Amino acid sequence: MTSNVDDRTLYHPDHLVVRHLYDLDHMALVWFGFMTGQSLRDHQTSSEAVIQVLKGEIRLVTASEQRLQAGQAVKLEPNQRHALTATQEALVQLILVPHPRYHSLAKEIDLPSHN
C-alpha cells in the first residue's frame, strides 16, 4: 500500500478523515487529515503514542499546550490525556505501540477489532 501526503482525499470539510495504514498486534499506524478547526477531543490511550505532524500545524493539549508544525513530533506516555486541534489544514501521523485494540481510542478512531 502506498500513501501520499498530498492526497486530497485525506481531508473532508465536514469531518476528520482517518486512514489506517498499518494494523498489527504490536502497533498501529494511522493518518489523520484535519481541516482547519477540526479536532480530536480529549482522550487517552493505554499505548505509547508518537504524534508527528506531516503537513500543517496542530495545537496539542496535554497538561500543557503546544503547537506542532510539519516535521515536529511528540511522544506521549500511556494513559496521558490529550486533545488535538488543527490550527491550519494538517496531516498527522499517529504510531501506537502496542496496538490499542481494547481501549477507548480504538473506538474513537475506528480501529478494527481482531478477536
PDB file of N, CA and C in Angstrom:
ATOM      1  N   MET A   1       0.840  -1.176   0.000  1.00  0.00           N
ATOM      2  CA  MET A   1       0.000   0.000   0.000  1.00  0.00           C
ATOM      3  C   MET A   1       0.893   1.250   0.000  1.00  0.00           C
ATOM      4  N   THR A   2       0.624   2.151  -0.896  1.00  0.00           N
ATOM      5  CA  THR A   2       1.362   3.406  -0.978  1.00  0.00           C
ATOM      6  C   THR A   2       0.452   4.539  -0.531  1.00  0.00           C
ATOM      7  N   SER A   3       0.979   5.414   0.308  1.00  0.00           N
ATOM      8  CA  SER A   3       0.222   6.570   0.774  1.00  0.00           C
ATOM      9  C   SER A   3       0.978   7.827   0.391  1.00  0.00           C
ATOM     10  N   ASN A   4       0.242   8.897   0.138  1.00  0.00           N
ATOM     11  CA  ASN A   4       0.844  10.133  -0.322  1.00  0.00           C
ATOM     12  C   ASN A   4       0.311  11.293   0.517  1.00  0.00           C
ATOM     13  N   VAL A   5       1.199  12.080   1.106  1.00  0.00           N
ATOM     14  CA  VAL A   5       0.769  13.201   1.949  1.00  0.00           C
ATOM     15  C   VAL A   5       0.025  14.279   1.165  1.00  0.00           C
ATOM     16  N   ASP A   6       0.121  14.252  -0.163  1.00  0.00           N
ATOM     17  CA  ASP A   6      -0.584  15.239  -0.994  1.00  0.00           C
ATOM     18  C   ASP A   6      -1.949  14.756  -1.475  1.00  0.00           C
ATOM     19  N   ASP A   7      -2.395  13.601  -1.021  1.00  0.00           N
ATOM     20  CA  ASP A   7      -3.689  13.028  -1.402  1.00  0.00           C
ATOM     21  C   ASP A   7      -4.819  13.886  -0.827  1.00  0.00           C
ATOM     22  N   ARG A   8      -5.603  14.536  -1.660  1.00  0.00           N
ATOM     23  CA  ARG A   8      -6.676  15.421  -1.206  1.00  0.00           C
ATOM     24  C   ARG A   8      -7.839  14.652  -0.570  1.00  0.00           C
ATOM     25  N   THR A   9      -7.929  13.333  -0.770  1.00  0.00           N
ATOM     26  CA  THR A   9      -8.999  12.576  -0.115  1.00  0.00           C
ATOM     27  C   THR A   9      -8.731  12.407   1.380  1.00  0.00           C
ATOM     28  N   LEU A  10      -7.579  12.867   1.856  1.00  0.00           N
ATOM     29  CA  LEU A  10      -7.271  12.823   3.285  1.00  0.00           C
ATOM     30  C   LEU A  10      -7.988  13.928   4.059  1.00  0.00           C
ATOM     31  N   TYR A  11      -8.689  14.802   3.362  1.00  0.00           N
ATOM     32  CA  TYR A  11      -9.348  15.941   4.005  1.00  0.00           C
ATOM     33  C   TYR A  11     -10.809  15.998   3.594  1.00  0.00           C
ATOM     34  N   HIS A  12     -11.661  16.339   4.562  1.00  0.00           N
ATOM     35  CA  HIS A  12     -13.090  16.490   4.294  1.00  0.00           C
ATOM     36  C   HIS A  12     -13.591  17.661   5.127  1.00  0.00           C
ATOM     37  N   PRO A  13     -14.362  18.569   4.531  1.00  0.00           N
ATOM     38  CA  PRO A  13     -14.800  19.756   5.280  1.00  0.00           C
ATOM     39  C   PRO A  13     -15.747  19.465   6.440  1.00  0.00           C
ATOM     40  N   ASP A  14     -16.413  18.322   6.434  1.00  0.00           N
ATOM     41  CA  ASP A  14     -17.419  18.031   7.456  1.00  0.00           C
ATOM     42  C   ASP A  14     -16.936  17.145   8.599  1.00  0.00           C
ATOM     43  N   HIS A  15     -15.797  16.496   8.432  1.00  0.00           N
ATOM     44  CA  HIS A  15     -15.326  15.585   9.480  1.00  0.00           C
ATOM     45  C   HIS A  15     -13.852  15.268   9.301  1.00  0.00           C
ATOM     46  N   LEU A  16     -13.262  14.830  10.387  1.00  0.00           N
ATOM     47  CA  LEU A  16     -11.892  14.351  10.403  1.00  0.00           C
ATOM     48  C   LEU A  16     -11.800  13.101   9.529  1.00  0.00           C
ATOM     49  N   VAL A  17     -10.734  12.969   8.765  1.00  0.00           N
ATOM     50  CA  VAL A  17     -10.518  11.762   7.960  1.00  0.00           C
ATOM     51  C   VAL A  17      -9.474  10.903   8.654  1.00  0.00           C
ATOM     52  N   VAL A  18      -9.784   9.614   8.806  1.00  0.00           N
ATOM     53  CA  VAL A  18      -8.885   8.674   9.467  1.00  0.00           C
ATOM     54  C   VAL A  18      -8.498   7.601   8.455  1.00  0.00           C
ATOM     55  N   ARG A  19      -7.189   7.423   8.263  1.00  0.00           N
ATOM     56  CA  ARG A  19      -6.691   6.422   7.318  1.00  0.00           C
ATOM     57  C   ARG A  19      -5.762   5.468   8.066  1.00  0.00           C
ATOM     58  N   HIS A  20      -6.153   4.193   8.142  1.00  0.00           N
ATOM     59  CA  HIS A  20      -5.340   3.166   8.808  1.00  0.00           C
ATOM     60  C   HIS A  20      -4.327   2.633   7.800  1.00  0.00           C
ATOM     61  N   LEU A  21      -3.056   2.825   8.091  1.00  0.00           N
ATOM     62  CA  LEU A  21      -2.021   2.407   7.160  1.00  0.00           C
ATOM     63  C   LEU A  21      -1.376   1.081   7.551  1.00  0.00           C
ATOM     64  N   TYR A  22      -1.344   0.795   8.841  1.00  0.00           N
ATOM     65  CA  TYR A  22      -0.668  -0.409   9.314  1.00  0.00           C
ATOM     66  C   TYR A  22      -1.366  -0.847  10.590  1.00  0.00           C
ATOM     67  N   ASP A  23      -1.718  -2.114  10.661  1.00  0.00           N
ATOM     68  CA  ASP A  23      -2.518  -2.590  11.781  1.00  0.00           C
ATOM     69  C   ASP A  23      -2.149  -4.027  12.120  1.00  0.00           C
ATOM     70  N   LEU A  24      -1.207  -4.176  13.058  1.00  0.00           N
ATOM     71  CA  LEU A  24      -0.832  -5.496  13.546  1.00  0.00           C
ATOM     72  C   LEU A  24      -0.840  -5.470  15.069  1.00  0.00           C
ATOM     73  N   ASP A  25      -0.710  -6.620  15.705  1.00  0.00           N
ATOM     74  CA  ASP A  25      -0.787  -6.684  17.164  1.00  0.00           C
ATOM     75  C   ASP A  25       0.221  -5.780  17.859  1.00  0.00           C
ATOM     76  N   HIS A  26       1.401  -5.648  17.314  1.00  0.00           N
ATOM     77  CA  HIS A  26       2.437  -4.896  18.012  1.00  0.00           C
ATOM     78  C   HIS A  26       2.373  -3.389  17.778  1.00  0.00           C
ATOM     79  N   MET A  27       1.597  -2.933  16.794  1.00  0.00           N
ATOM     80  CA  MET A  27       1.495  -1.490  16.572  1.00  0.00           C
ATOM     81  C   MET A  27       0.378  -1.140  15.597  1.00  0.00           C
ATOM     82  N   ALA A  28       0.006   0.132  15.637  1.00  0.00           N
ATOM     83  CA  ALA A  28      -0.930   0.685  14.659  1.00  0.00           C
ATOM     84  C   ALA A  28      -0.328   1.983  14.148  1.00  0.00           C
ATOM     85  N   LEU A  29      -0.480   2.225  12.849  1.00  0.00           N
ATOM     86  CA  LEU A  29      -0.035   3.466  12.215  1.00  0.00           C
ATOM     87  C   LEU A  29      -1.254   4.066  11.534  1.00  0.00           C
ATOM     88  N   VAL A  30      -1.604   5.282  11.940  1.00  0.00           N
ATOM     89  CA  VAL A  30      -2.834   5.920  11.469  1.00  0.00           C
ATOM     90  C   VAL A  30      -2.515   7.341  11.016  1.00  0.00           C
ATOM     91  N   TRP A  31      -3.110   7.765   9.900  1.00  0.00           N
ATOM     92  CA  TRP A  31      -3.033   9.161   9.463  1.00  0.00           C
ATOM     93  C   TRP A  31      -4.370   9.828   9.727  1.00  0.00           C
ATOM     94  N   PHE A  32      -4.310  11.065  10.214  1.00  0.00           N
ATOM     95  CA  PHE A  32      -5.493  11.882  10.437  1.00  0.00           C
ATOM     96  C   PHE A  32      -5.400  13.102   9.537  1.00  0.00           C
ATOM     97  N   GLY A  33      -6.414  13.328   8.739  1.00  0.00           N
ATOM     98  CA  GLY A  33      -6.487  14.534   7.916  1.00  0.00           C
ATOM     99  C   GLY A  33      -7.446  15.521   8.566  1.00  0.00           C
ATOM    100  N   PHE A  34      -6.909  16.668   8.992  1.00  0.00           N
ATOM    101  CA  PHE A  34      -7.690  17.709   9.661  1.00  0.00           C
ATOM    102  C   PHE A  34      -7.832  18.920   8.751  1.00  0.00           C
ATOM    103  N   MET A  35      -9.028  19.429   8.605  1.00  0.00           N
ATOM    104  CA  MET A  35      -9.225  20.762   8.045  1.00  0.00           C
ATOM    105  C   MET A  35      -9.065  21.740   9.210  1.00  0.00           C
ATOM    106  N   THR A  36      -8.777  22.986   8.912  1.00  0.00           N
ATOM    107  CA  THR A  36      -8.603  23.991   9.952  1.00  0.00           C
ATOM    108  C   THR A  36      -9.795  23.979  10.911  1.00  0.00           C
ATOM    109  N   GLY A  37      -9.504  23.905  12.210  1.00  0.00           N
ATOM    110  CA  GLY A  37     -10.550  23.922  13.234  1.00  0.00           C
ATOM    111  C   GLY A  37     -11.064  22.556  13.646  1.00  0.00           C
ATOM    112  N   GLN A  38     -10.822  21.520  12.861  1.00  0.00           N
ATOM    113  CA  GLN A  38     -11.279  20.189  13.248  1.00  0.00           C
ATOM    114  C   GLN A  38     -10.410  19.670  14.385  1.00  0.00           C
ATOM    115  N   SER A  39     -11.004  18.801  15.219  1.00  0.00           N
ATOM    116  CA  SER A  39     -10.254  18.344  16.382  1.00  0.00           C
ATOM    117  C   SER A  39     -10.556  16.892  16.725  1.00  0.00           C
ATOM    118  N   LEU A  40      -9.683  16.351  17.537  1.00  0.00           N
ATOM    119  CA  LEU A  40      -9.870  15.052  18.153  1.00  0.00           C
ATOM    120  C   LEU A  40      -9.975  15.351  19.634  1.00  0.00           C
ATOM    121  N   ARG A  41     -11.142  15.091  20.204  1.00  0.00           N
ATOM    122  CA  ARG A  41     -11.438  15.522  21.574  1.00  0.00           C
ATOM    123  C   ARG A  41     -10.523  14.857  22.592  1.00  0.00           C
ATOM    124  N   ASP A  42     -10.559  15.379  23.794  1.00  0.00           N
ATOM    125  CA  ASP A  42      -9.742  14.892  24.899  1.00  0.00           C
ATOM    126  C   ASP A  42      -9.958  13.397  25.110  1.00  0.00           C
ATOM    127  N   HIS A  43      -8.865  12.654  25.174  1.00  0.00           N
ATOM    128  CA  HIS A  43      -8.922  11.203  25.354  1.00  0.00           C
ATOM    129  C   HIS A  43      -7.571  10.723  25.869  1.00  0.00           C
ATOM    130  N   GLN A  44      -7.466   9.434  26.090  1.00  0.00           N
ATOM    131  CA  GLN A  44      -6.196   8.828  26.469  1.00  0.00           C
ATOM    132  C   GLN A  44      -6.107   7.463  25.813  1.00  0.00           C
ATOM    133  N   THR A  45      -4.917   6.916  25.776  1.00  0.00           N
ATOM    134  CA  THR A  45      -4.689   5.602  25.210  1.00  0.00           C
ATOM    135  C   THR A  45      -3.801   4.800  26.152  1.00  0.00           C
ATOM    136  N   SER A  46      -4.007   3.509  26.194  1.00  0.00           N
ATOM    137  CA  SER A  46      -3.174   2.652  27.027  1.00  0.00           C
ATOM    138  C   SER A  46      -1.839   2.340  26.351  1.00  0.00           C
ATOM    139  N   SER A  47      -1.677   2.779  25.124  1.00  0.00           N
ATOM    140  CA  SER A  47      -0.444   2.559  24.375  1.00  0.00           C
ATOM    141  C   SER A  47       0.484   3.760  24.489  1.00  0.00           C
ATOM    142  N   GLU A  48       1.764   3.541  24.184  1.00  0.00           N
ATOM    143  CA  GLU A  48       2.655   4.665  23.958  1.00  0.00           C
ATOM    144  C   GLU A  48       2.258   5.234  22.600  1.00  0.00           C
ATOM    145  N   ALA A  49       2.313   6.556  22.470  1.00  0.00           N
ATOM    146  CA  ALA A  49       1.884   7.192  21.225  1.00  0.00           C
ATOM    147  C   ALA A  49       2.938   8.182  20.758  1.00  0.00           C
ATOM    148  N   VAL A  50       3.193   8.153  19.455  1.00  0.00           N
ATOM    149  CA  VAL A  50       4.027   9.169  18.837  1.00  0.00           C
ATOM    150  C   VAL A  50       3.127   9.919  17.861  1.00  0.00           C
ATOM    151  N   ILE A  51       3.024  11.226  18.074  1.00  0.00           N
ATOM    152  CA  ILE A  51       2.227  12.092  17.210  1.00  0.00           C
ATOM    153  C   ILE A  51       3.205  12.924  16.401  1.00  0.00           C
ATOM    154  N   GLN A  52       3.123  12.790  15.071  1.00  0.00           N
ATOM    155  CA  GLN A  52       4.016  13.538  14.190  1.00  0.00           C
ATOM    156  C   GLN A  52       3.181  14.305  13.181  1.00  0.00           C
ATOM    157  N   VAL A  53       3.466  15.594  13.036  1.00  0.00           N
ATOM    158  CA  VAL A  53       2.777  16.418  12.052  1.00  0.00           C
ATOM    159  C   VAL A  53       3.529  16.294  10.726  1.00  0.00           C
ATOM    160  N   LEU A  54       2.836  15.783   9.717  1.00  0.00           N
ATOM    161  CA  LEU A  54       3.443  15.627   8.397  1.00  0.00           C
ATOM    162  C   LEU A  54       3.246  16.874   7.543  1.00  0.00           C
ATOM    163  N   LYS A  55       2.109  17.532   7.711  1.00  0.00           N
ATOM    164  CA  LYS A  55       1.792  18.771   6.992  1.00  0.00           C
ATOM    165  C   LYS A  55       0.985  19.659   7.922  1.00  0.00           C
ATOM    166  N   GLY A  56       1.137  20.968   7.784  1.00  0.00           N
ATOM    167  CA  GLY A  56       0.304  21.906   8.522  1.00  0.00           C
ATOM    168  C   GLY A  56       0.743  22.125   9.952  1.00  0.00           C
ATOM    169  N   GLU A  57      -0.254  22.418  10.815  1.00  0.00           N
ATOM    170  CA  GLU A  57       0.028  22.734  12.215  1.00  0.00           C
ATOM    171  C   GLU A  57      -1.164  22.338  13.072  1.00  0.00           C
ATOM    172  N   ILE A  58      -0.866  21.832  14.283  1.00  0.00           N
ATOM    173  CA  ILE A  58      -1.908  21.483  15.252  1.00  0.00           C
ATOM    174  C   ILE A  58      -1.581  22.104  16.607  1.00  0.00           C
ATOM    175  N   ARG A  59      -2.613  22.202  17.415  1.00  0.00           N
ATOM    176  CA  ARG A  59      -2.449  22.543  18.827  1.00  0.00           C
ATOM    177  C   ARG A  59      -2.672  21.257  19.602  1.00  0.00           C
ATOM    178  N   LEU A  60      -1.692  20.871  20.400  1.00  0.00           N
ATOM    179  CA  LEU A  60      -1.780  19.676  21.220  1.00  0.00           C
ATOM    180  C   LEU A  60      -1.920  20.114  22.666  1.00  0.00           C
ATOM    181  N   VAL A  61      -2.992  19.646  23.304  1.00  0.00           N
ATOM    182  CA  VAL A  61      -3.220  19.977  24.703  1.00  0.00           C
ATOM    183  C   VAL A  61      -3.031  18.709  25.523  1.00  0.00           C
ATOM    184  N   THR A  62      -2.077  18.759  26.452  1.00  0.00           N
ATOM    185  CA  THR A  62      -1.856  17.704  27.440  1.00  0.00           C
ATOM    186  C   THR A  62      -1.995  18.410  28.787  1.00  0.00           C
ATOM    187  N   ALA A  63      -1.089  18.217  29.697  1.00  0.00           N
ATOM    188  CA  ALA A  63      -1.088  19.011  30.926  1.00  0.00           C
ATOM    189  C   ALA A  63      -0.733  20.459  30.600  1.00  0.00           C
ATOM    190  N   SER A  64      -0.102  20.654  29.452  1.00  0.00           N
ATOM    191  CA  SER A  64       0.197  21.993  28.939  1.00  0.00           C
ATOM    192  C   SER A  64      -0.269  22.036  27.487  1.00  0.00           C
ATOM    193  N   GLU A  65      -0.028  23.147  26.836  1.00  0.00           N
ATOM    194  CA  GLU A  65      -0.448  23.314  25.441  1.00  0.00           C
ATOM    195  C   GLU A  65       0.776  23.643  24.601  1.00  0.00           C
ATOM    196  N   GLN A  66       0.835  23.030  23.410  1.00  0.00           N
ATOM    197  CA  GLN A  66       1.922  23.344  22.492  1.00  0.00           C
ATOM    198  C   GLN A  66       1.433  23.262  21.059  1.00  0.00           C
ATOM    199  N   ARG A  67       2.112  23.987  20.193  1.00  0.00           N
ATOM    200  CA  ARG A  67       1.821  23.921  18.766  1.00  0.00           C
ATOM    201  C   ARG A  67       2.896  23.071  18.106  1.00  0.00           C
ATOM    202  N   LEU A  68       2.451  22.183  17.245  1.00  0.00           N
ATOM    203  CA  LEU A  68       3.369  21.334  16.486  1.00  0.00           C
ATOM    204  C   LEU A  68       3.188  21.634  15.011  1.00  0.00           C
ATOM    205  N   GLN A  69       4.287  21.841  14.320  1.00  0.00           N
ATOM    206  CA  GLN A  69       4.268  22.125  12.889  1.00  0.00           C
ATOM    207  C   GLN A  69       4.836  20.940  12.125  1.00  0.00           C
ATOM    208  N   ALA A  70       4.671  20.977  10.804  1.00  0.00           N
ATOM    209  CA  ALA A  70       5.191  19.920   9.939  1.00  0.00           C
ATOM    210  C   ALA A  70       6.642  19.637  10.289  1.00  0.00           C
ATOM    211  N   GLY A  71       6.950  18.356  10.471  1.00  0.00           N
ATOM    212  CA  GLY A  71       8.298  17.938  10.803  1.00  0.00           C
ATOM    213  C   GLY A  71       8.535  17.762  12.287  1.00  0.00           C
ATOM    214  N   GLN A  72       7.571  18.150  13.118  1.00  0.00           N
ATOM    215  CA  GLN A  72       7.731  18.008  14.563  1.00  0.00           C
ATOM    216  C   GLN A  72       6.922  16.810  15.064  1.00  0.00           C
ATOM    217  N   ALA A  73       7.423  16.212  16.151  1.00  0.00           N
ATOM    218  CA  ALA A  73       6.761  15.047  16.740  1.00  0.00           C
ATOM    219  C   ALA A  73       6.872  15.115  18.252  1.00  0.00           C
ATOM    220  N   VAL A  74       5.969  14.416  18.915  1.00  0.00           N
ATOM    221  CA  VAL A  74       5.991  14.325  20.372  1.00  0.00           C
ATOM    222  C   VAL A  74       5.593  12.906  20.756  1.00  0.00           C
ATOM    223  N   LYS A  75       6.199  12.398  21.832  1.00  0.00           N
ATOM    224  CA  LYS A  75       5.854  11.082  22.349  1.00  0.00           C
ATOM    225  C   LYS A  75       5.005  11.273  23.599  1.00  0.00           C
ATOM    226  N   LEU A  76       3.907  10.542  23.662  1.00  0.00           N
ATOM    227  CA  LEU A  76       3.033  10.564  24.831  1.00  0.00           C
ATOM    228  C   LEU A  76       3.132   9.234  25.557  1.00  0.00           C
ATOM    229  N   GLU A  77       3.135   9.313  26.862  1.00  0.00           N
ATOM    230  CA  GLU A  77       3.170   8.115  27.692  1.00  0.00           C
ATOM    231  C   GLU A  77       1.789   7.466  27.719  1.00  0.00           C
ATOM    232  N   PRO A  78       1.717   6.169  28.031  1.00  0.00           N
ATOM    233  CA  PRO A  78       0.415   5.522  28.174  1.00  0.00           C
ATOM    234  C   PRO A  78      -0.449   6.269  29.194  1.00  0.00           C
ATOM    235  N   ASN A  79      -1.722   6.354  28.905  1.00  0.00           N
ATOM    236  CA  ASN A  79      -2.743   6.975  29.759  1.00  0.00           C
ATOM    237  C   ASN A  79      -2.581   8.485  29.929  1.00  0.00           C
ATOM    238  N   GLN A  80      -1.786   9.115  29.101  1.00  0.00           N
ATOM    239  CA  GLN A  80      -1.641  10.576  29.146  1.00  0.00           C
ATOM    240  C   GLN A  80      -2.777  11.212  28.352  1.00  0.00           C
ATOM    241  N   ARG A  81      -3.601  12.010  29.031  1.00  0.00           N
ATOM    242  CA  ARG A  81      -4.736  12.665  28.378  1.00  0.00           C
ATOM    243  C   ARG A  81      -4.221  13.708  27.395  1.00  0.00           C
ATOM    244  N   HIS A  82      -4.919  13.817  26.254  1.00  0.00           N
ATOM    245  CA  HIS A  82      -4.517  14.785  25.241  1.00  0.00           C
ATOM    246  C   HIS A  82      -5.661  15.039  24.271  1.00  0.00           C
ATOM    247  N   ALA A  83      -5.579  16.183  23.608  1.00  0.00           N
ATOM    248  CA  ALA A  83      -6.540  16.567  22.574  1.00  0.00           C
ATOM    249  C   ALA A  83      -5.760  17.291  21.486  1.00  0.00           C
ATOM    250  N   LEU A  84      -6.263  17.210  20.246  1.00  0.00           N
ATOM    251  CA  LEU A  84      -5.604  17.862  19.112  1.00  0.00           C
ATOM    252  C   LEU A  84      -6.617  18.719  18.376  1.00  0.00           C
ATOM    253  N   THR A  85      -6.190  19.880  17.930  1.00  0.00           N
ATOM    254  CA  THR A  85      -6.999  20.751  17.083  1.00  0.00           C
ATOM    255  C   THR A  85      -6.102  21.307  15.986  1.00  0.00           C
ATOM    256  N   ALA A  86      -6.588  21.292  14.754  1.00  0.00           N
ATOM    257  CA  ALA A  86      -5.819  21.833  13.636  1.00  0.00           C
ATOM    258  C   ALA A  86      -5.930  23.349  13.608  1.00  0.00           C
ATOM    259  N   THR A  87      -4.796  24.030  13.692  1.00  0.00           N
ATOM    260  CA  THR A  87      -4.784  25.487  13.577  1.00  0.00           C
ATOM    261  C   THR A  87      -4.684  25.891  12.108  1.00  0.00           C
ATOM    262  N   GLN A  88      -4.361  24.934  11.265  1.00  0.00           N
ATOM    263  CA  GLN A  88      -4.428  25.055   9.807  1.00  0.00           C
ATOM    264  C   GLN A  88      -4.574  23.633   9.269  1.00  0.00           C
ATOM    265  N   GLU A  89      -4.946  23.494   8.017  1.00  0.00           N
ATOM    266  CA  GLU A  89      -5.080  22.149   7.459  1.00  0.00           C
ATOM    267  C   GLU A  89      -3.835  21.343   7.810  1.00  0.00           C
ATOM    268  N   ALA A  90      -4.035  20.123   8.316  1.00  0.00           N
ATOM    269  CA  ALA A  90      -2.903  19.340   8.809  1.00  0.00           C
ATOM    270  C   ALA A  90      -3.091  17.853   8.539  1.00  0.00           C
ATOM    271  N   LEU A  91      -1.967  17.200   8.321  1.00  0.00           N
ATOM    272  CA  LEU A  91      -1.922  15.745   8.244  1.00  0.00           C
ATOM    273  C   LEU A  91      -1.053  15.271   9.395  1.00  0.00           C
ATOM    274  N   VAL A  92      -1.621  14.407  10.239  1.00  0.00           N
ATOM    275  CA  VAL A  92      -0.943  13.951  11.447  1.00  0.00           C
ATOM    276  C   VAL A  92      -0.798  12.439  11.394  1.00  0.00           C
ATOM    277  N   GLN A  93       0.403  11.981  11.694  1.00  0.00           N
ATOM    278  CA  GLN A  93       0.671  10.548  11.767  1.00  0.00           C
ATOM    279  C   GLN A  93       0.707  10.134  13.228  1.00  0.00           C
ATOM    280  N   LEU A  94      -0.001   9.062  13.532  1.00  0.00           N
ATOM    281  CA  LEU A  94      -0.051   8.527  14.884  1.00  0.00           C
ATOM    282  C   LEU A  94       0.498   7.106  14.869  1.00  0.00           C
ATOM    283  N   ILE A  95       1.470   6.843  15.737  1.00  0.00           N
ATOM    284  CA  ILE A  95       2.005   5.493  15.908  1.00  0.00           C
ATOM    285  C   ILE A  95       1.670   5.062  17.332  1.00  0.00           C
ATOM    286  N   LEU A  96       1.002   3.922  17.464  1.00  0.00           N
ATOM    287  CA  LEU A  96       0.601   3.389  18.770  1.00  0.00           C
ATOM    288  C   LEU A  96       1.271   2.044  18.991  1.00  0.00           C
ATOM    289  N   VAL A  97       1.981   1.918  20.109  1.00  0.00           N
ATOM    290  CA  VAL A  97       2.700   0.690  20.432  1.00  0.00           C
ATOM    291  C   VAL A  97       2.419   0.335  21.884  1.00  0.00           C
ATOM    292  N   PRO A  98       1.917  -0.863  22.198  1.00  0.00           N
ATOM    293  CA  PRO A  98       1.385  -1.865  21.284  1.00  0.00           C
ATOM    294  C   PRO A  98       0.037  -1.417  20.729  1.00  0.00           C
ATOM    295  N   HIS A  99      -0.516  -2.218  19.849  1.00  0.00           N
ATOM    296  CA  HIS A  99      -1.803  -1.887  19.237  1.00  0.00           C
ATOM    297  C   HIS A  99      -2.872  -1.721  20.320  1.00  0.00           C
ATOM    298  N   PRO A 100      -3.668  -0.681  20.233  1.00  0.00           N
ATOM    299  CA  PRO A 100      -4.673  -0.394  21.277  1.00  0.00           C
ATOM    300  C   PRO A 100      -6.042  -1.022  21.008  1.00  0.00           C
ATOM    301  N   ARG A 101      -6.083  -2.287  20.800  1.00  0.00           N
ATOM    302  CA  ARG A 101      -7.347  -2.927  20.397  1.00  0.00           C
ATOM    303  C   ARG A 101      -8.494  -2.740  21.383  1.00  0.00           C
ATOM    304  N   TYR A 102      -8.190  -2.603  22.661  1.00  0.00           N
ATOM    305  CA  TYR A 102      -9.264  -2.660  23.640  1.00  0.00           C
ATOM    306  C   TYR A 102      -9.419  -1.411  24.494  1.00  0.00           C
ATOM    307  N   HIS A 103      -8.863  -0.300  24.101  1.00  0.00           N
ATOM    308  CA  HIS A 103      -9.069   0.885  24.924  1.00  0.00           C
ATOM    309  C   HIS A 103      -9.938   1.908  24.196  1.00  0.00           C
ATOM    310  N   SER A 104     -10.251   2.990  24.851  1.00  0.00           N
ATOM    311  CA  SER A 104     -11.237   3.943  24.358  1.00  0.00           C
ATOM    312  C   SER A 104     -10.883   4.546  23.008  1.00  0.00           C
ATOM    313  N   LEU A 105      -9.614   4.796  22.729  1.00  0.00           N
ATOM    314  CA  LEU A 105      -9.251   5.418  21.461  1.00  0.00           C
ATOM    315  C   LEU A 105      -9.557   4.509  20.281  1.00  0.00           C
ATOM    316  N   ALA A 106      -9.504   3.205  20.467  1.00  0.00           N
ATOM    317  CA  ALA A 106      -9.791   2.286  19.373  1.00  0.00           C
ATOM    318  C   ALA A 106     -11.160   2.581  18.774  1.00  0.00           C
ATOM    319  N   LYS A 107     -12.146   2.849  19.624  1.00  0.00           N
ATOM    320  CA  LYS A 107     -13.482   3.192  19.142  1.00  0.00           C
ATOM    321  C   LYS A 107     -13.497   4.560  18.482  1.00  0.00           C
ATOM    322  N   GLU A 108     -12.822   5.506  19.102  1.00  0.00           N
ATOM    323  CA  GLU A 108     -12.845   6.874  18.620  1.00  0.00           C
ATOM    324  C   GLU A 108     -12.288   7.030  17.216  1.00  0.00           C
ATOM    325  N   ILE A 109     -11.232   6.267  16.915  1.00  0.00           N
ATOM    326  CA  ILE A 109     -10.648   6.398  15.584  1.00  0.00           C
ATOM    327  C   ILE A 109     -10.986   5.190  14.709  1.00  0.00           C
ATOM    328  N   ASP A 110     -11.963   4.388  15.152  1.00  0.00           N
ATOM    329  CA  ASP A 110     -12.491   3.286  14.371  1.00  0.00           C
ATOM    330  C   ASP A 110     -11.434   2.255  14.016  1.00  0.00           C
ATOM    331  N   LEU A 111     -10.588   1.895  14.995  1.00  0.00           N
ATOM    332  CA  LEU A 111      -9.610   0.844  14.744  1.00  0.00           C
ATOM    333  C   LEU A 111     -10.320  -0.496  14.692  1.00  0.00           C
ATOM    334  N   PRO A 112      -9.949  -1.346  13.757  1.00  0.00           N
ATOM    335  CA  PRO A 112     -10.582  -2.655  13.671  1.00  0.00           C
ATOM    336  C   PRO A 112     -10.275  -3.495  14.907  1.00  0.00           C
ATOM    337  N   SER A 113     -11.229  -4.296  15.308  1.00  0.00           N
ATOM    338  CA  SER A 113     -11.049  -5.183  16.453  1.00  0.00           C
ATOM    339  C   SER A 113     -10.811  -6.588  15.932  1.00  0.00           C
ATOM    340  N   HIS A 114      -9.742  -7.220  16.366  1.00  0.00           N
ATOM    341  CA  HIS A 114      -9.416  -8.588  15.947  1.00  0.00           C
ATOM    342  C   HIS A 114      -9.495  -9.486  17.167  1.00  0.00           C
ATOM    343  N   ASN A 115     -10.523 -10.272  17.247  1.00  0.00           N
ATOM    344  CA  ASN A 115     -10.698 -11.173  18.397  1.00  0.00           C
ATOM    345  C   ASN A 115     -10.348 -12.586  18.017  1.00  0.00           C
TER     346      ASN A 115
END
